[in-house]
Each structure stands twice: as C-alpha cells, then as structure tokens.
N, C-alpha and C. Protein backbone atom coordinates (compact mmCIF):
# COMPACT_ATOMS: atom_id res chain seq x y z
N UNK A 1 -179.08 18.61 -93.41
CA UNK A 1 -180.41 18.54 -93.95
C UNK A 1 -180.89 17.09 -94.01
N UNK A 2 -180.08 16.17 -93.60
CA UNK A 2 -180.42 14.76 -93.65
C UNK A 2 -181.58 14.45 -92.71
N UNK A 3 -182.51 13.64 -93.20
CA UNK A 3 -183.65 13.25 -92.37
C UNK A 3 -183.54 11.77 -92.05
N UNK A 4 -184.14 11.40 -90.96
CA UNK A 4 -184.13 9.99 -90.54
C UNK A 4 -185.03 9.18 -91.46
N UNK A 5 -184.53 8.08 -91.96
CA UNK A 5 -185.26 7.24 -92.90
C UNK A 5 -185.49 5.86 -92.31
N UNK A 6 -186.56 5.23 -92.74
CA UNK A 6 -186.79 3.84 -92.34
C UNK A 6 -185.92 2.90 -93.15
N UNK A 7 -185.35 3.40 -94.25
CA UNK A 7 -184.48 2.60 -95.11
C UNK A 7 -183.04 2.74 -94.63
N UNK A 8 -182.41 1.63 -94.31
CA UNK A 8 -181.02 1.67 -93.89
C UNK A 8 -180.21 0.65 -94.68
N UNK A 9 -178.93 0.92 -94.79
CA UNK A 9 -178.04 0.03 -95.50
C UNK A 9 -177.62 -1.12 -94.59
N UNK A 10 -177.53 -2.30 -95.18
CA UNK A 10 -176.93 -3.43 -94.46
C UNK A 10 -175.66 -3.82 -95.19
N UNK A 11 -174.68 -4.30 -94.44
CA UNK A 11 -173.42 -4.77 -94.99
C UNK A 11 -173.20 -6.17 -94.49
N UNK A 12 -172.92 -7.09 -95.41
CA UNK A 12 -172.60 -8.47 -95.03
C UNK A 12 -171.34 -8.89 -95.77
N UNK A 13 -170.72 -9.96 -95.26
CA UNK A 13 -169.54 -10.55 -95.90
C UNK A 13 -169.81 -12.05 -96.08
N UNK A 14 -170.53 -12.39 -97.17
CA UNK A 14 -170.94 -13.78 -97.36
C UNK A 14 -169.81 -14.74 -97.71
N UNK A 15 -168.66 -14.21 -98.11
CA UNK A 15 -167.50 -15.06 -98.40
C UNK A 15 -166.23 -14.31 -98.03
N UNK A 16 -165.10 -14.97 -98.14
CA UNK A 16 -163.82 -14.35 -97.79
C UNK A 16 -163.43 -13.22 -98.73
N UNK A 17 -164.08 -13.10 -99.88
CA UNK A 17 -163.70 -12.09 -100.86
C UNK A 17 -164.79 -11.07 -101.16
N UNK A 18 -165.97 -11.21 -100.54
CA UNK A 18 -167.11 -10.37 -100.90
C UNK A 18 -167.56 -9.44 -99.77
N UNK A 19 -168.03 -8.28 -100.21
CA UNK A 19 -168.77 -7.35 -99.35
C UNK A 19 -170.09 -7.11 -100.07
N UNK A 20 -171.20 -7.24 -99.38
CA UNK A 20 -172.51 -7.00 -100.00
C UNK A 20 -173.21 -5.87 -99.25
N UNK A 21 -173.56 -4.84 -100.00
CA UNK A 21 -174.32 -3.70 -99.47
C UNK A 21 -175.74 -3.79 -100.01
N UNK A 22 -176.73 -3.63 -99.13
CA UNK A 22 -178.13 -3.70 -99.53
C UNK A 22 -178.87 -2.51 -98.94
N UNK A 23 -179.75 -1.93 -99.76
CA UNK A 23 -180.53 -0.78 -99.30
C UNK A 23 -181.79 -0.68 -100.15
N UNK A 24 -182.90 -0.35 -99.52
CA UNK A 24 -184.15 -0.12 -100.25
C UNK A 24 -184.40 1.38 -100.37
N UNK A 25 -185.10 1.74 -101.45
CA UNK A 25 -185.42 3.14 -101.72
C UNK A 25 -186.90 3.27 -102.05
N UNK A 26 -187.49 4.36 -101.64
CA UNK A 26 -188.89 4.65 -101.95
C UNK A 26 -188.96 5.35 -103.30
N UNK A 27 -188.49 4.66 -104.34
CA UNK A 27 -188.47 5.22 -105.69
C UNK A 27 -188.49 4.06 -106.69
N UNK A 28 -189.02 4.34 -107.86
CA UNK A 28 -189.07 3.34 -108.92
C UNK A 28 -187.66 2.94 -109.35
N UNK A 29 -187.53 1.71 -109.78
CA UNK A 29 -186.23 1.16 -110.20
C UNK A 29 -185.59 2.01 -111.31
N UNK A 30 -186.37 2.45 -112.29
CA UNK A 30 -185.82 3.25 -113.39
C UNK A 30 -185.21 4.55 -112.88
N UNK A 31 -185.83 5.15 -111.88
CA UNK A 31 -185.33 6.39 -111.31
C UNK A 31 -184.03 6.15 -110.53
N UNK A 32 -183.99 5.07 -109.77
CA UNK A 32 -182.78 4.74 -109.01
C UNK A 32 -181.63 4.45 -109.98
N UNK A 33 -181.91 3.71 -111.04
CA UNK A 33 -180.88 3.40 -112.04
C UNK A 33 -180.37 4.69 -112.68
N UNK A 34 -181.27 5.59 -113.02
CA UNK A 34 -180.87 6.88 -113.61
C UNK A 34 -179.97 7.66 -112.66
N UNK A 35 -180.36 7.76 -111.40
CA UNK A 35 -179.56 8.50 -110.42
C UNK A 35 -178.19 7.85 -110.21
N UNK A 36 -178.12 6.56 -110.42
CA UNK A 36 -176.90 5.77 -110.20
C UNK A 36 -175.95 5.82 -111.40
N UNK A 37 -176.46 6.27 -112.57
CA UNK A 37 -175.66 6.13 -113.78
C UNK A 37 -175.47 7.42 -114.58
N UNK A 38 -175.95 8.54 -114.10
CA UNK A 38 -175.76 9.80 -114.81
C UNK A 38 -174.89 10.73 -113.97
N UNK A 39 -173.84 11.30 -114.58
CA UNK A 39 -172.89 12.10 -113.80
C UNK A 39 -173.51 13.29 -113.08
N UNK A 40 -174.51 13.92 -113.67
CA UNK A 40 -175.12 15.07 -113.02
C UNK A 40 -175.83 14.68 -111.72
N UNK A 41 -176.23 13.42 -111.61
CA UNK A 41 -176.85 12.93 -110.37
C UNK A 41 -175.80 12.37 -109.43
N UNK A 42 -174.87 11.59 -109.96
CA UNK A 42 -173.83 10.96 -109.13
C UNK A 42 -173.06 12.02 -108.35
N UNK A 43 -172.75 13.14 -108.98
CA UNK A 43 -171.98 14.19 -108.31
C UNK A 43 -172.73 14.79 -107.12
N UNK A 44 -174.02 14.56 -107.04
CA UNK A 44 -174.82 15.10 -105.94
C UNK A 44 -174.95 14.14 -104.76
N UNK A 45 -174.66 12.83 -104.97
CA UNK A 45 -174.87 11.89 -103.86
C UNK A 45 -173.65 11.03 -103.53
N UNK A 46 -172.76 10.81 -104.47
CA UNK A 46 -171.65 9.86 -104.26
C UNK A 46 -170.59 10.52 -103.39
N UNK A 47 -170.24 9.87 -102.29
CA UNK A 47 -169.22 10.39 -101.39
C UNK A 47 -169.77 10.67 -100.01
N UNK A 48 -168.88 11.05 -99.14
CA UNK A 48 -169.26 11.32 -97.74
C UNK A 48 -169.96 12.67 -97.62
N UNK A 49 -170.62 12.88 -96.49
CA UNK A 49 -171.41 14.09 -96.28
C UNK A 49 -170.59 15.37 -96.36
N UNK A 50 -169.32 15.33 -95.97
CA UNK A 50 -168.50 16.55 -95.98
C UNK A 50 -167.67 16.66 -97.25
N UNK A 51 -168.13 16.04 -98.34
CA UNK A 51 -167.33 16.02 -99.55
C UNK A 51 -168.12 16.49 -100.76
N UNK A 52 -167.38 16.79 -101.82
CA UNK A 52 -167.97 17.04 -103.13
C UNK A 52 -167.34 16.05 -104.10
N UNK A 53 -168.07 15.69 -105.13
CA UNK A 53 -167.59 14.70 -106.08
C UNK A 53 -167.70 15.23 -107.49
N UNK A 54 -166.64 15.03 -108.26
CA UNK A 54 -166.68 15.31 -109.68
C UNK A 54 -166.69 13.97 -110.42
N UNK A 55 -167.40 13.93 -111.54
CA UNK A 55 -167.56 12.68 -112.28
C UNK A 55 -167.22 12.89 -113.74
N UNK A 56 -166.44 11.97 -114.25
CA UNK A 56 -166.21 11.85 -115.69
C UNK A 56 -166.56 10.42 -116.03
N UNK A 57 -167.41 10.22 -117.03
CA UNK A 57 -167.80 8.86 -117.35
C UNK A 57 -168.19 8.70 -118.81
N UNK A 58 -167.81 7.56 -119.34
CA UNK A 58 -168.21 7.11 -120.66
C UNK A 58 -169.09 5.89 -120.41
N UNK A 59 -170.39 6.15 -120.22
CA UNK A 59 -171.31 5.11 -119.76
C UNK A 59 -171.73 4.19 -120.89
N UNK A 60 -170.88 3.22 -121.15
CA UNK A 60 -171.14 2.16 -122.13
C UNK A 60 -170.25 0.99 -121.74
N UNK A 61 -170.59 -0.19 -122.20
CA UNK A 61 -169.75 -1.36 -121.91
C UNK A 61 -168.36 -1.10 -122.50
N UNK A 62 -167.34 -1.24 -121.66
CA UNK A 62 -165.97 -0.94 -122.05
C UNK A 62 -165.57 0.49 -121.77
N UNK A 63 -166.55 1.34 -121.43
CA UNK A 63 -166.27 2.74 -121.12
C UNK A 63 -165.67 2.89 -119.74
N UNK A 64 -164.91 3.95 -119.55
CA UNK A 64 -164.25 4.21 -118.28
C UNK A 64 -164.95 5.32 -117.51
N UNK A 65 -164.76 5.30 -116.20
CA UNK A 65 -165.24 6.40 -115.36
C UNK A 65 -164.14 6.79 -114.39
N UNK A 66 -164.28 8.01 -113.89
CA UNK A 66 -163.38 8.52 -112.84
C UNK A 66 -164.21 9.45 -111.96
N UNK A 67 -164.28 9.12 -110.68
CA UNK A 67 -164.95 9.95 -109.69
C UNK A 67 -163.88 10.45 -108.72
N UNK A 68 -163.89 11.73 -108.43
CA UNK A 68 -162.95 12.28 -107.45
C UNK A 68 -163.75 12.92 -106.33
N UNK A 69 -163.63 12.34 -105.15
CA UNK A 69 -164.29 12.85 -103.96
C UNK A 69 -163.30 13.78 -103.26
N UNK A 70 -163.72 15.01 -102.99
CA UNK A 70 -162.87 16.00 -102.32
C UNK A 70 -163.48 16.31 -100.96
N UNK A 71 -162.70 16.06 -99.90
CA UNK A 71 -163.19 16.32 -98.54
C UNK A 71 -163.24 17.82 -98.29
N UNK A 72 -163.91 18.22 -97.23
CA UNK A 72 -164.00 19.64 -96.88
C UNK A 72 -162.63 20.24 -96.58
N UNK A 73 -161.65 19.39 -96.22
CA UNK A 73 -160.28 19.87 -95.97
C UNK A 73 -159.47 19.95 -97.26
N UNK A 74 -160.02 19.49 -98.39
CA UNK A 74 -159.34 19.56 -99.67
C UNK A 74 -158.65 18.29 -100.10
N UNK A 75 -158.69 17.23 -99.29
CA UNK A 75 -158.07 15.96 -99.65
C UNK A 75 -158.88 15.31 -100.76
N UNK A 76 -158.18 14.85 -101.81
CA UNK A 76 -158.86 14.20 -102.92
C UNK A 76 -158.74 12.68 -102.83
N UNK A 77 -159.83 12.01 -103.15
CA UNK A 77 -159.89 10.55 -103.17
C UNK A 77 -160.41 10.13 -104.55
N UNK A 78 -159.49 9.79 -105.48
CA UNK A 78 -159.91 9.42 -106.83
C UNK A 78 -160.21 7.93 -106.96
N UNK A 79 -161.27 7.63 -107.68
CA UNK A 79 -161.68 6.26 -107.98
C UNK A 79 -161.87 6.16 -109.48
N UNK A 80 -161.54 5.00 -110.04
CA UNK A 80 -161.74 4.80 -111.47
C UNK A 80 -162.15 3.36 -111.72
N UNK A 81 -162.67 3.14 -112.92
CA UNK A 81 -163.05 1.79 -113.29
C UNK A 81 -163.55 1.72 -114.72
N UNK A 82 -163.98 0.52 -115.08
CA UNK A 82 -164.48 0.25 -116.42
C UNK A 82 -165.84 -0.44 -116.30
N UNK A 83 -166.78 -0.02 -117.11
CA UNK A 83 -168.10 -0.66 -117.14
C UNK A 83 -167.99 -1.97 -117.91
N UNK A 84 -168.36 -3.08 -117.28
CA UNK A 84 -168.28 -4.41 -117.89
C UNK A 84 -169.63 -4.88 -118.43
N UNK A 85 -170.71 -4.48 -117.76
CA UNK A 85 -172.05 -4.90 -118.19
C UNK A 85 -173.04 -3.82 -117.79
N UNK A 86 -173.94 -3.50 -118.71
CA UNK A 86 -175.02 -2.54 -118.44
C UNK A 86 -176.30 -3.16 -118.96
N UNK A 87 -177.21 -3.47 -118.05
CA UNK A 87 -178.52 -4.01 -118.40
C UNK A 87 -179.57 -3.13 -117.72
N UNK A 88 -179.85 -1.99 -118.35
CA UNK A 88 -180.77 -1.01 -117.76
C UNK A 88 -182.19 -1.56 -117.71
N UNK A 89 -182.91 -1.36 -116.63
CA UNK A 89 -182.52 -0.79 -115.35
C UNK A 89 -182.26 -1.85 -114.28
N UNK A 90 -181.86 -3.05 -114.70
CA UNK A 90 -181.77 -4.17 -113.76
C UNK A 90 -180.40 -4.38 -113.13
N UNK A 91 -179.31 -4.12 -113.90
CA UNK A 91 -178.01 -4.60 -113.44
C UNK A 91 -176.89 -3.76 -114.03
N UNK A 92 -175.85 -3.59 -113.22
CA UNK A 92 -174.66 -2.84 -113.62
C UNK A 92 -173.45 -3.56 -113.05
N UNK A 93 -172.44 -3.81 -113.90
CA UNK A 93 -171.21 -4.45 -113.45
C UNK A 93 -170.04 -3.57 -113.87
N UNK A 94 -169.18 -3.23 -112.91
CA UNK A 94 -168.03 -2.40 -113.20
C UNK A 94 -166.87 -2.75 -112.28
N UNK A 95 -165.67 -2.41 -112.74
CA UNK A 95 -164.51 -2.54 -111.88
C UNK A 95 -164.37 -1.25 -111.09
N UNK A 96 -163.60 -1.30 -110.01
CA UNK A 96 -163.31 -0.08 -109.24
C UNK A 96 -161.93 -0.18 -108.62
N UNK A 97 -161.21 0.91 -108.73
CA UNK A 97 -159.87 1.04 -108.15
C UNK A 97 -159.82 2.36 -107.39
N UNK A 98 -159.31 2.31 -106.17
CA UNK A 98 -158.98 3.54 -105.44
C UNK A 98 -157.64 3.98 -106.01
N UNK A 99 -157.62 5.05 -106.78
CA UNK A 99 -156.49 5.41 -107.63
C UNK A 99 -155.42 6.22 -106.90
N UNK A 100 -154.93 5.64 -105.81
CA UNK A 100 -153.86 6.23 -105.01
C UNK A 100 -152.88 5.11 -104.69
N UNK A 101 -151.59 5.37 -104.91
CA UNK A 101 -150.57 4.36 -104.58
C UNK A 101 -150.54 4.14 -103.07
N UNK A 102 -150.38 2.96 -102.57
CA UNK A 102 -150.18 1.69 -103.27
C UNK A 102 -151.48 0.95 -103.56
N UNK A 103 -152.62 1.59 -103.30
CA UNK A 103 -153.91 0.91 -103.42
C UNK A 103 -154.37 0.73 -104.86
N UNK A 104 -153.78 1.46 -105.79
CA UNK A 104 -154.25 1.43 -107.18
C UNK A 104 -154.03 0.08 -107.85
N UNK A 105 -153.32 -0.82 -107.20
CA UNK A 105 -153.16 -2.16 -107.77
C UNK A 105 -154.30 -3.10 -107.38
N UNK A 106 -155.19 -2.66 -106.48
CA UNK A 106 -156.26 -3.51 -105.97
C UNK A 106 -157.58 -3.20 -106.67
N UNK A 107 -157.88 -3.99 -107.69
CA UNK A 107 -159.12 -3.80 -108.44
C UNK A 107 -160.21 -4.71 -107.89
N UNK A 108 -161.38 -4.14 -107.67
CA UNK A 108 -162.54 -4.92 -107.24
C UNK A 108 -163.56 -4.94 -108.37
N UNK A 109 -164.40 -5.96 -108.37
CA UNK A 109 -165.49 -6.07 -109.34
C UNK A 109 -166.80 -5.85 -108.59
N UNK A 110 -167.60 -4.88 -109.05
CA UNK A 110 -168.85 -4.54 -108.36
C UNK A 110 -170.02 -4.89 -109.26
N UNK A 111 -170.93 -5.71 -108.73
CA UNK A 111 -172.16 -6.06 -109.43
C UNK A 111 -173.31 -5.44 -108.64
N UNK A 112 -174.04 -4.53 -109.28
CA UNK A 112 -175.16 -3.85 -108.62
C UNK A 112 -176.45 -4.28 -109.29
N UNK A 113 -177.38 -4.78 -108.48
CA UNK A 113 -178.68 -5.24 -108.97
C UNK A 113 -179.75 -4.29 -108.42
N UNK A 114 -180.64 -3.88 -109.30
CA UNK A 114 -181.75 -2.99 -108.96
C UNK A 114 -183.02 -3.81 -109.05
N UNK A 115 -183.58 -4.20 -107.91
CA UNK A 115 -184.75 -5.08 -107.87
C UNK A 115 -186.02 -4.27 -107.72
N UNK A 116 -186.96 -4.49 -108.63
CA UNK A 116 -188.25 -3.80 -108.62
C UNK A 116 -189.13 -4.38 -107.52
N UNK A 117 -189.53 -3.53 -106.60
CA UNK A 117 -190.41 -3.94 -105.50
C UNK A 117 -191.79 -3.29 -105.64
N UNK A 118 -192.22 -3.07 -106.88
CA UNK A 118 -193.54 -2.48 -107.10
C UNK A 118 -193.60 -1.02 -106.68
N UNK A 119 -192.81 -0.18 -107.31
CA UNK A 119 -192.77 1.24 -106.98
C UNK A 119 -191.64 1.60 -106.03
N UNK A 120 -191.04 0.61 -105.43
CA UNK A 120 -189.86 0.77 -104.58
C UNK A 120 -188.73 -0.01 -105.23
N UNK A 121 -187.51 0.19 -104.75
CA UNK A 121 -186.36 -0.51 -105.33
C UNK A 121 -185.44 -1.02 -104.25
N UNK A 122 -185.00 -2.25 -104.41
CA UNK A 122 -183.96 -2.83 -103.56
C UNK A 122 -182.66 -2.83 -104.36
N UNK A 123 -181.66 -2.17 -103.83
CA UNK A 123 -180.36 -2.10 -104.47
C UNK A 123 -179.42 -3.04 -103.71
N UNK A 124 -178.74 -3.91 -104.45
CA UNK A 124 -177.76 -4.82 -103.85
C UNK A 124 -176.47 -4.70 -104.63
N UNK A 125 -175.40 -4.27 -103.96
CA UNK A 125 -174.08 -4.17 -104.58
C UNK A 125 -173.17 -5.21 -103.96
N UNK A 126 -172.66 -6.09 -104.81
CA UNK A 126 -171.71 -7.11 -104.37
C UNK A 126 -170.33 -6.70 -104.85
N UNK A 127 -169.42 -6.50 -103.92
CA UNK A 127 -168.05 -6.08 -104.22
C UNK A 127 -167.16 -7.30 -104.06
N UNK A 128 -166.58 -7.74 -105.16
CA UNK A 128 -165.75 -8.94 -105.16
C UNK A 128 -164.28 -8.54 -105.24
N UNK A 129 -163.53 -8.93 -104.23
CA UNK A 129 -162.09 -8.66 -104.18
C UNK A 129 -161.32 -9.91 -104.58
N UNK A 130 -160.05 -9.73 -104.90
CA UNK A 130 -159.21 -10.86 -105.32
C UNK A 130 -158.76 -11.73 -104.14
N UNK A 131 -158.78 -11.17 -102.92
CA UNK A 131 -158.32 -11.93 -101.75
C UNK A 131 -159.02 -11.43 -100.50
N UNK A 132 -158.92 -12.22 -99.44
CA UNK A 132 -159.47 -11.81 -98.15
C UNK A 132 -158.73 -10.59 -97.62
N UNK A 133 -157.44 -10.49 -97.90
CA UNK A 133 -156.66 -9.33 -97.42
C UNK A 133 -157.15 -8.04 -98.08
N UNK A 134 -157.44 -8.10 -99.38
CA UNK A 134 -157.96 -6.92 -100.06
C UNK A 134 -159.35 -6.57 -99.56
N UNK A 135 -160.19 -7.58 -99.36
CA UNK A 135 -161.54 -7.33 -98.82
C UNK A 135 -161.45 -6.69 -97.45
N UNK A 136 -160.62 -7.25 -96.57
CA UNK A 136 -160.51 -6.71 -95.22
C UNK A 136 -159.90 -5.31 -95.21
N UNK A 137 -158.96 -5.05 -96.12
CA UNK A 137 -158.43 -3.69 -96.23
C UNK A 137 -159.51 -2.70 -96.61
N UNK A 138 -160.38 -3.10 -97.52
CA UNK A 138 -161.51 -2.26 -97.92
C UNK A 138 -162.45 -2.03 -96.74
N UNK A 139 -162.78 -3.09 -96.03
CA UNK A 139 -163.66 -2.97 -94.86
C UNK A 139 -163.08 -2.05 -93.81
N UNK A 140 -161.77 -2.13 -93.59
CA UNK A 140 -161.11 -1.34 -92.55
C UNK A 140 -160.82 0.10 -92.97
N UNK A 141 -161.18 0.46 -94.20
CA UNK A 141 -160.92 1.82 -94.70
C UNK A 141 -161.98 2.82 -94.26
N UNK A 142 -163.03 2.35 -93.59
CA UNK A 142 -164.14 3.24 -93.23
C UNK A 142 -165.23 3.24 -94.29
N UNK A 143 -165.17 2.29 -95.21
CA UNK A 143 -166.11 2.27 -96.32
C UNK A 143 -167.56 2.09 -95.90
N UNK A 144 -167.80 1.39 -94.80
CA UNK A 144 -169.19 1.18 -94.37
C UNK A 144 -169.86 2.52 -94.07
N UNK A 145 -169.18 3.35 -93.32
CA UNK A 145 -169.72 4.67 -92.96
C UNK A 145 -169.91 5.52 -94.22
N UNK A 146 -168.90 5.53 -95.09
CA UNK A 146 -168.99 6.32 -96.31
C UNK A 146 -170.08 5.84 -97.23
N UNK A 147 -170.22 4.52 -97.38
CA UNK A 147 -171.27 3.98 -98.24
C UNK A 147 -172.66 4.31 -97.69
N UNK A 148 -172.83 4.21 -96.39
CA UNK A 148 -174.13 4.54 -95.78
C UNK A 148 -174.46 6.01 -96.01
N UNK A 149 -173.47 6.90 -95.84
CA UNK A 149 -173.71 8.32 -96.08
C UNK A 149 -174.09 8.56 -97.55
N UNK A 150 -173.37 7.92 -98.46
CA UNK A 150 -173.68 8.08 -99.89
C UNK A 150 -175.10 7.64 -100.19
N UNK A 151 -175.50 6.48 -99.68
CA UNK A 151 -176.83 5.97 -99.98
C UNK A 151 -177.92 6.81 -99.31
N UNK A 152 -177.63 7.41 -98.17
CA UNK A 152 -178.58 8.36 -97.57
C UNK A 152 -178.74 9.58 -98.47
N UNK A 153 -177.61 10.06 -99.02
CA UNK A 153 -177.66 11.21 -99.93
C UNK A 153 -178.40 10.84 -101.21
N UNK A 154 -178.24 9.59 -101.68
CA UNK A 154 -178.97 9.13 -102.86
C UNK A 154 -180.47 9.16 -102.58
N UNK A 155 -180.87 8.71 -101.41
CA UNK A 155 -182.30 8.74 -101.06
C UNK A 155 -182.84 10.17 -101.06
N UNK A 156 -182.06 11.11 -100.52
CA UNK A 156 -182.49 12.51 -100.52
C UNK A 156 -182.63 13.05 -101.94
N UNK A 157 -181.68 12.69 -102.83
CA UNK A 157 -181.77 13.12 -104.21
C UNK A 157 -182.99 12.52 -104.89
N UNK A 158 -183.24 11.24 -104.69
CA UNK A 158 -184.38 10.57 -105.31
C UNK A 158 -185.70 11.26 -104.93
N UNK A 159 -185.80 11.73 -103.71
CA UNK A 159 -187.03 12.41 -103.28
C UNK A 159 -187.26 13.69 -104.09
N UNK A 160 -186.19 14.32 -104.54
CA UNK A 160 -186.34 15.54 -105.35
C UNK A 160 -186.60 15.22 -106.82
N UNK A 161 -186.27 14.01 -107.24
CA UNK A 161 -186.44 13.61 -108.63
C UNK A 161 -187.80 13.00 -108.90
N UNK A 162 -188.46 12.50 -107.86
CA UNK A 162 -189.73 11.77 -108.03
C UNK A 162 -190.85 12.65 -108.53
C-alpha cells in the first residue's frame, strides 16, 4: 500500500562515530512528535515493511522502553533504551541497544530533533556510537533500508492522523 513520496530519507556520517538520518514530513511538528512517542502509533510504523512491532514504554526522563520487531518469518529483534531528555515537541534523547548477544553491549545515544517548517516537519536523528567499529557495524546491519522503510510507514500513518 506504500505510495511514492517526494520526501525521502538521507543518511550521512559526519564523524567516525555518528550516523545522521534526515527526513521531512508533510505534517505539523506536534503530530510527528506524537506519532514518534506514543506506543499505539509506534507499533504501526516502527520496523521493516514485513514486520510487526510491539512497544512497552515509560515515556518520561529516566523511563525505559522496549520495542520488539517480529519479521514475517517469526524472527524477533528486540531493542531497548532509556529516555534521557524529552522536550516536547522539539527534541528527544534516548539510548538504544539491540538486545541480542553479543550486540547488547553496544549502546548508542540517539538525539532526535523535530524542526518546525511551517506546517511541515524536518526530523533529524543523530545516532552517536562509542567507536567507529560500532558505527560501522550498525551501518552494515542493513539499518539504512530498515530506517527508510520505517520512516515511509511513519509518513503513511501521519496522513491518516492529520
């Protein structure tokens, strides 16, 4: 059901430890922030196209979250983290761990900024890793494709929420 959009995700690596994802949405910043921070919405867009996601979250500074993406074949991909900063609707900072051994020791810090473009929103997520090896491992995991699919699904959800 995916439709072709003029909005596409860009991925850059401005430093040896960072991955930056950028995407614009045809929706107000408050709506994008809501879709990004409420479990009933996250479960509808977070993950790859052939997956379903369950969400548990305590959305407050110091609160924990756990998202489990289940592929159509039944493989589970659990992610967890802690919310470090919440400045609605401008900014969100959280940790993230792919909760599968041996990867569960690699914690990244994600800073997501929601920029108001006058009825539209620019989302920028900066993923900071502890080393270039961890960053490159993340890049080589297929995350670019998965992130693009997730953000396309987010755009589709936003169209139904507007």
